[in-house]
């Protein structure tokens, strides 16, 4: 099974975003955007979604490259 390089890089980027948000949740870092505090639950949701998207990218790409027949 081969993975297309661009798809693999995109999946890695999604996983890095997920890890960054997980680290924010674990360490309790505060994030303010233009003076508005971003709640921690936003990072929890983004972590789950980003990790899922990275996983789905790899899964979809491997399904496309798998031999058929």
Protein backbone atom coordinates (compact mmCIF):
# COMPACT_ATOMS: atom_id res chain seq x y z
CA UNK A 1 0.00 0.00 0.00
CA UNK A 2 1.30 3.41 -0.91
CA UNK A 3 0.32 6.74 0.49
CA UNK A 4 0.43 9.87 -1.65
CA UNK A 5 2.96 12.32 -0.17
CA UNK A 6 0.62 15.33 -0.16
CA UNK A 7 -2.11 13.34 1.56
CA UNK A 8 0.35 12.08 4.13
CA UNK A 9 1.63 15.61 4.84
CA UNK A 10 -1.95 16.87 5.20
CA UNK A 11 -2.73 14.06 7.66
CA UNK A 12 0.41 14.90 9.67
CA UNK A 13 -0.65 18.56 9.76
CA UNK A 14 -4.09 17.61 11.09
CA UNK A 15 -2.47 15.41 13.75
CA UNK A 16 -0.10 18.22 14.77
CA UNK A 17 -3.08 20.55 15.21
CA UNK A 18 -4.79 17.86 17.30
CA UNK A 19 -1.71 17.44 19.49
CA UNK A 20 -1.37 21.21 19.94
CA UNK A 21 -4.96 21.48 21.12
CA UNK A 22 -4.54 18.47 23.39
CA UNK A 23 -1.47 20.09 24.96
CA UNK A 24 -3.47 23.28 25.49
CA UNK A 25 -6.19 21.29 27.27
CA UNK A 26 -3.74 19.32 29.42
CA UNK A 27 -1.71 22.35 30.51
CA UNK A 28 -4.70 24.68 30.78
CA UNK A 29 -3.19 27.40 28.62
CA UNK A 30 -5.39 30.44 28.12
CA UNK A 31 -6.04 31.66 24.59
CA UNK A 32 -7.38 35.12 23.81
CA UNK A 33 -8.33 36.27 20.34
CA UNK A 34 -8.81 40.02 20.04
CA UNK A 35 -9.55 40.23 23.74
CA UNK A 36 -12.09 37.37 23.79
CA UNK A 37 -11.20 34.27 25.80
CA UNK A 38 -11.53 30.98 23.89
CA UNK A 39 -13.00 28.27 26.14
CA UNK A 40 -11.16 24.99 26.64
CA UNK A 41 -14.06 22.96 25.22
CA UNK A 42 -13.34 24.51 21.81
CA UNK A 43 -9.89 22.93 21.89
CA UNK A 44 -11.39 19.59 22.88
CA UNK A 45 -13.72 19.68 19.88
CA UNK A 46 -10.97 20.84 17.51
CA UNK A 47 -8.63 18.12 18.82
CA UNK A 48 -11.17 15.39 18.11
CA UNK A 49 -12.12 16.75 14.68
CA UNK A 50 -8.50 17.30 13.56
CA UNK A 51 -7.40 13.83 14.68
CA UNK A 52 -10.41 12.25 12.96
CA UNK A 53 -9.72 14.14 9.71
CA UNK A 54 -6.08 13.01 9.73
CA UNK A 55 -7.13 9.43 10.30
CA UNK A 56 -9.77 9.57 7.56
CA UNK A 57 -7.27 11.00 5.06
CA UNK A 58 -4.89 8.07 5.57
CA UNK A 59 -7.74 5.55 5.59
CA UNK A 60 -9.28 6.91 2.39
CA UNK A 61 -5.94 7.06 0.59
CA UNK A 62 -5.08 3.48 1.52
CA UNK A 63 -8.50 2.29 0.35
CA UNK A 64 -7.89 3.95 -3.03
CA UNK A 65 -4.45 2.39 -3.43
CA UNK A 66 -5.45 -1.12 -2.31
CA UNK A 67 -5.53 -3.72 -5.08
CA UNK A 68 -9.01 -4.50 -6.31
CA UNK A 69 -10.25 -7.75 -7.56
